[in-house]
């Protein structure tokens, strides 16, 4: 079977990545939940990460950020 006739996942055919597709699905499931499960899922949805800049080949002190800081 050639690559052009092989079955392609619908998310890829729509021009999406799997991560984008899974994020949409997860958001839909979270929106369908009833309380108290909905608020518990919303608290786990937050993303925390650290950002560190580099200057003169050395890493500066990282800062902790959340998704809403962008």
C-alpha atoms as a PDB file:
ATOM      1  CA  UNK A   1       0.000   0.000   0.000  1.00  0.00           C
ATOM      2  CA  UNK A   2       1.495   3.340  -0.964  1.00  0.00           C
ATOM      3  CA  UNK A   3       1.609   6.365   1.291  1.00  0.00           C
ATOM      4  CA  UNK A   4      -0.960   8.201  -0.821  1.00  0.00           C
ATOM      5  CA  UNK A   5      -3.603   5.467  -0.482  1.00  0.00           C
ATOM      6  CA  UNK A   6      -2.935   4.596   3.157  1.00  0.00           C
ATOM      7  CA  UNK A   7      -5.513   5.569   5.746  1.00  0.00           C
ATOM      8  CA  UNK A   8      -4.637   8.859   7.430  1.00  0.00           C
ATOM      9  CA  UNK A   9      -5.943   9.778  10.874  1.00  0.00           C
ATOM     10  CA  UNK A  10      -8.657  12.413  10.570  1.00  0.00           C
ATOM     11  CA  UNK A  11      -6.791  14.881  12.802  1.00  0.00           C
ATOM     12  CA  UNK A  12      -3.825  14.768  10.440  1.00  0.00           C
ATOM     13  CA  UNK A  13      -6.081  15.083   7.402  1.00  0.00           C
ATOM     14  CA  UNK A  14      -7.539  18.216   9.032  1.00  0.00           C
ATOM     15  CA  UNK A  15      -4.026  19.676   9.281  1.00  0.00           C
ATOM     16  CA  UNK A  16      -3.747  19.264  13.054  1.00  0.00           C
ATOM     17  CA  UNK A  17      -1.051  17.746  15.216  1.00  0.00           C
ATOM     18  CA  UNK A  18      -1.901  14.973  17.649  1.00  0.00           C
ATOM     19  CA  UNK A  19      -1.132  17.281  20.585  1.00  0.00           C
ATOM     20  CA  UNK A  20      -3.586  19.882  19.270  1.00  0.00           C
ATOM     21  CA  UNK A  21      -6.225  17.203  18.728  1.00  0.00           C
ATOM     22  CA  UNK A  22      -5.736  15.747  22.207  1.00  0.00           C
ATOM     23  CA  UNK A  23      -5.913  19.232  23.789  1.00  0.00           C
ATOM     24  CA  UNK A  24      -9.259  19.875  22.088  1.00  0.00           C
ATOM     25  CA  UNK A  25     -10.596  16.499  23.223  1.00  0.00           C
ATOM     26  CA  UNK A  26      -9.421  17.071  26.789  1.00  0.00           C
ATOM     27  CA  UNK A  27     -11.084  20.510  26.885  1.00  0.00           C
ATOM     28  CA  UNK A  28     -14.356  19.025  25.627  1.00  0.00           C
ATOM     29  CA  UNK A  29     -14.291  16.307  28.282  1.00  0.00           C
ATOM     30  CA  UNK A  30     -13.499  18.838  31.039  1.00  0.00           C
ATOM     31  CA  UNK A  31     -16.421  21.026  29.898  1.00  0.00           C
ATOM     32  CA  UNK A  32     -18.800  18.052  30.098  1.00  0.00           C
ATOM     33  CA  UNK A  33     -17.951  17.212  33.710  1.00  0.00           C
ATOM     34  CA  UNK A  34     -20.300  18.051  36.570  1.00  0.00           C
ATOM     35  CA  UNK A  35     -19.238  19.612  39.859  1.00  0.00           C
ATOM     36  CA  UNK A  36     -17.134  18.847  41.911  1.00  0.00           C
ATOM     37  CA  UNK A  37     -15.229  16.980  39.210  1.00  0.00           C
ATOM     38  CA  UNK A  38     -15.216  19.989  36.873  1.00  0.00           C
ATOM     39  CA  UNK A  39     -13.428  22.261  39.370  1.00  0.00           C
ATOM     40  CA  UNK A  40     -10.924  19.506  40.218  1.00  0.00           C
ATOM     41  CA  UNK A  41     -10.113  19.034  36.531  1.00  0.00           C
ATOM     42  CA  UNK A  42      -9.799  22.803  36.033  1.00  0.00           C
ATOM     43  CA  UNK A  43      -7.214  23.011  38.812  1.00  0.00           C
ATOM     44  CA  UNK A  44      -5.120  20.299  37.113  1.00  0.00           C
ATOM     45  CA  UNK A  45      -5.359  22.113  33.786  1.00  0.00           C
ATOM     46  CA  UNK A  46      -2.983  24.901  34.847  1.00  0.00           C
ATOM     47  CA  UNK A  47       0.505  24.710  33.386  1.00  0.00           C
ATOM     48  CA  UNK A  48       3.584  25.840  35.310  1.00  0.00           C
ATOM     49  CA  UNK A  49       7.022  26.125  33.752  1.00  0.00           C
ATOM     50  CA  UNK A  50      10.284  27.977  34.263  1.00  0.00           C
ATOM     51  CA  UNK A  51      12.084  30.238  31.817  1.00  0.00           C
ATOM     52  CA  UNK A  52      15.798  30.908  32.008  1.00  0.00           C
ATOM     53  CA  UNK A  53      17.663  33.337  29.800  1.00  0.00           C
ATOM     54  CA  UNK A  54      21.240  32.803  28.734  1.00  0.00           C
ATOM     55  CA  UNK A  55      23.830  35.570  28.599  1.00  0.00           C
ATOM     56  CA  UNK A  56      27.533  35.193  27.787  1.00  0.00           C
ATOM     57  CA  UNK A  57      27.194  31.404  27.748  1.00  0.00           C
ATOM     58  CA  UNK A  58      25.790  31.230  31.282  1.00  0.00           C
ATOM     59  CA  UNK A  59      22.272  30.583  32.460  1.00  0.00           C
ATOM     60  CA  UNK A  60      20.613  33.354  34.454  1.00  0.00           C
ATOM     61  CA  UNK A  61      18.280  32.605  37.359  1.00  0.00           C
ATOM     62  CA  UNK A  62      15.103  30.926  36.037  1.00  0.00           C
ATOM     63  CA  UNK A  63      11.700  32.496  36.645  1.00  0.00           C
ATOM     64  CA  UNK A  64       8.632  30.352  37.302  1.00  0.00           C
ATOM     65  CA  UNK A  65       5.680  31.202  35.081  1.00  0.00           C
ATOM     66  CA  UNK A  66       2.185  29.927  34.476  1.00  0.00           C
ATOM     67  CA  UNK A  67       0.315  29.632  31.225  1.00  0.00           C
ATOM     68  CA  UNK A  68      -1.614  32.847  31.942  1.00  0.00           C
ATOM     69  CA  UNK A  69       1.635  34.902  32.280  1.00  0.00           C
ATOM     70  CA  UNK A  70       2.329  34.809  28.558  1.00  0.00           C
END
